[in-house]
Amino acid sequence: MFDPSLHAARLSLGLSPIELWTRYITLGGNLDLTSTDAYLNGLVDVEDIDHDILTHALNESYSDRGENRSLAYRRP
């Protein structure tokens, strides 16, 4: 299920697709850059775990900037 908030967050943070993908991989993500970008643009769906790792990477980016924002995870 496509979540446009992830794409919007990437843009608002000023992260390139490669920068976000690098953060995602560092946290244990397994998707390649092309699949990650396709998901962020609503072209494919991913497993809940991959969505949540991307979400975590974005949430950490907000935290690193001192912003009090938090995107929702799929899994509790």
Protein backbone atom coordinates (compact mmCIF):
# COMPACT_ATOMS: atom_id res chain seq x y z
CA MET A 1 0.00 0.00 0.00
CA PHE A 2 1.55 3.28 -1.18
CA ASP A 3 2.16 5.87 1.52
CA PRO A 4 2.70 9.33 -0.01
CA SER A 5 3.89 10.70 3.32
CA LEU A 6 7.25 8.96 2.91
CA HIS A 7 7.90 10.63 -0.43
CA ALA A 8 6.78 13.98 0.96
CA ALA A 9 9.05 13.53 3.99
CA ARG A 10 12.05 12.74 1.79
CA LEU A 11 11.43 15.91 -0.17
CA SER A 12 10.87 18.08 2.91
CA LEU A 13 14.11 16.78 4.42
CA GLY A 14 15.97 17.50 1.20
CA LEU A 15 17.25 13.93 0.99
CA SER A 16 18.13 12.56 -2.42
CA PRO A 17 16.90 9.05 -3.22
CA ILE A 18 20.47 7.79 -2.74
CA GLU A 19 20.83 9.51 0.65
CA LEU A 20 17.60 7.98 1.94
CA TRP A 21 18.46 4.59 0.48
CA THR A 22 21.87 4.69 2.19
CA ARG A 23 20.21 5.41 5.54
CA TYR A 24 17.71 2.59 4.86
CA ILE A 25 20.46 0.08 4.03
CA THR A 26 22.41 1.11 7.14
CA LEU A 27 19.36 0.22 9.25
CA GLY A 28 19.13 -3.25 7.70
CA GLY A 29 16.97 -2.70 4.64
CA ASN A 30 17.31 -5.13 1.76
CA LEU A 31 15.71 -3.35 -1.21
CA ASP A 32 17.91 -2.04 -3.98
CA LEU A 33 17.87 1.63 -4.89
CA THR A 34 15.56 1.14 -7.88
CA SER A 35 12.95 -0.73 -5.83
CA THR A 36 13.15 1.80 -3.01
CA ASP A 37 12.65 4.71 -5.41
CA ALA A 38 9.78 2.89 -7.14
CA TYR A 39 8.04 2.41 -3.79
CA LEU A 40 8.49 6.04 -2.78
CA ASN A 41 6.90 7.04 -6.08
CA GLY A 42 3.94 4.68 -5.71
CA LEU A 43 4.92 2.28 -8.48
CA VAL A 44 5.32 -0.87 -6.36
CA ASP A 45 4.47 -2.03 -2.86
CA VAL A 46 6.94 -3.39 -0.32
CA GLU A 47 6.76 -5.60 2.72
CA ASP A 48 5.77 -3.98 6.00
CA ILE A 49 9.31 -4.37 7.35
CA ASP A 50 10.79 -2.42 4.43
CA HIS A 51 8.19 0.33 4.82
CA ASP A 52 8.99 0.54 8.53
CA ILE A 53 12.75 0.69 7.98
CA LEU A 54 12.28 3.53 5.48
CA THR A 55 9.97 5.23 7.97
CA HIS A 56 12.58 4.84 10.70
CA ALA A 57 15.29 6.30 8.48
CA LEU A 58 13.10 9.34 7.83
CA ASN A 59 12.13 9.68 11.49
CA GLU A 60 15.81 9.60 12.45
CA SER A 61 16.51 12.28 9.87
CA TYR A 62 13.85 14.51 11.43
CA SER A 63 15.33 13.83 14.87
CA ASP A 64 18.86 14.61 13.66
CA ARG A 65 17.58 18.02 12.58
CA GLY A 66 15.84 18.61 15.89
CA GLU A 67 12.40 18.45 14.29
CA ASN A 68 9.60 16.95 16.34
CA ARG A 69 7.94 14.97 13.54
CA SER A 70 7.16 11.29 13.41
CA LEU A 71 5.86 9.24 10.51
CA ALA A 72 3.64 6.26 11.25
CA TYR A 73 4.93 2.71 11.08
CA ARG A 74 2.81 -0.07 9.58
CA ARG A 75 3.60 -2.50 12.37
CA PRO A 76 3.15 -1.57 16.01
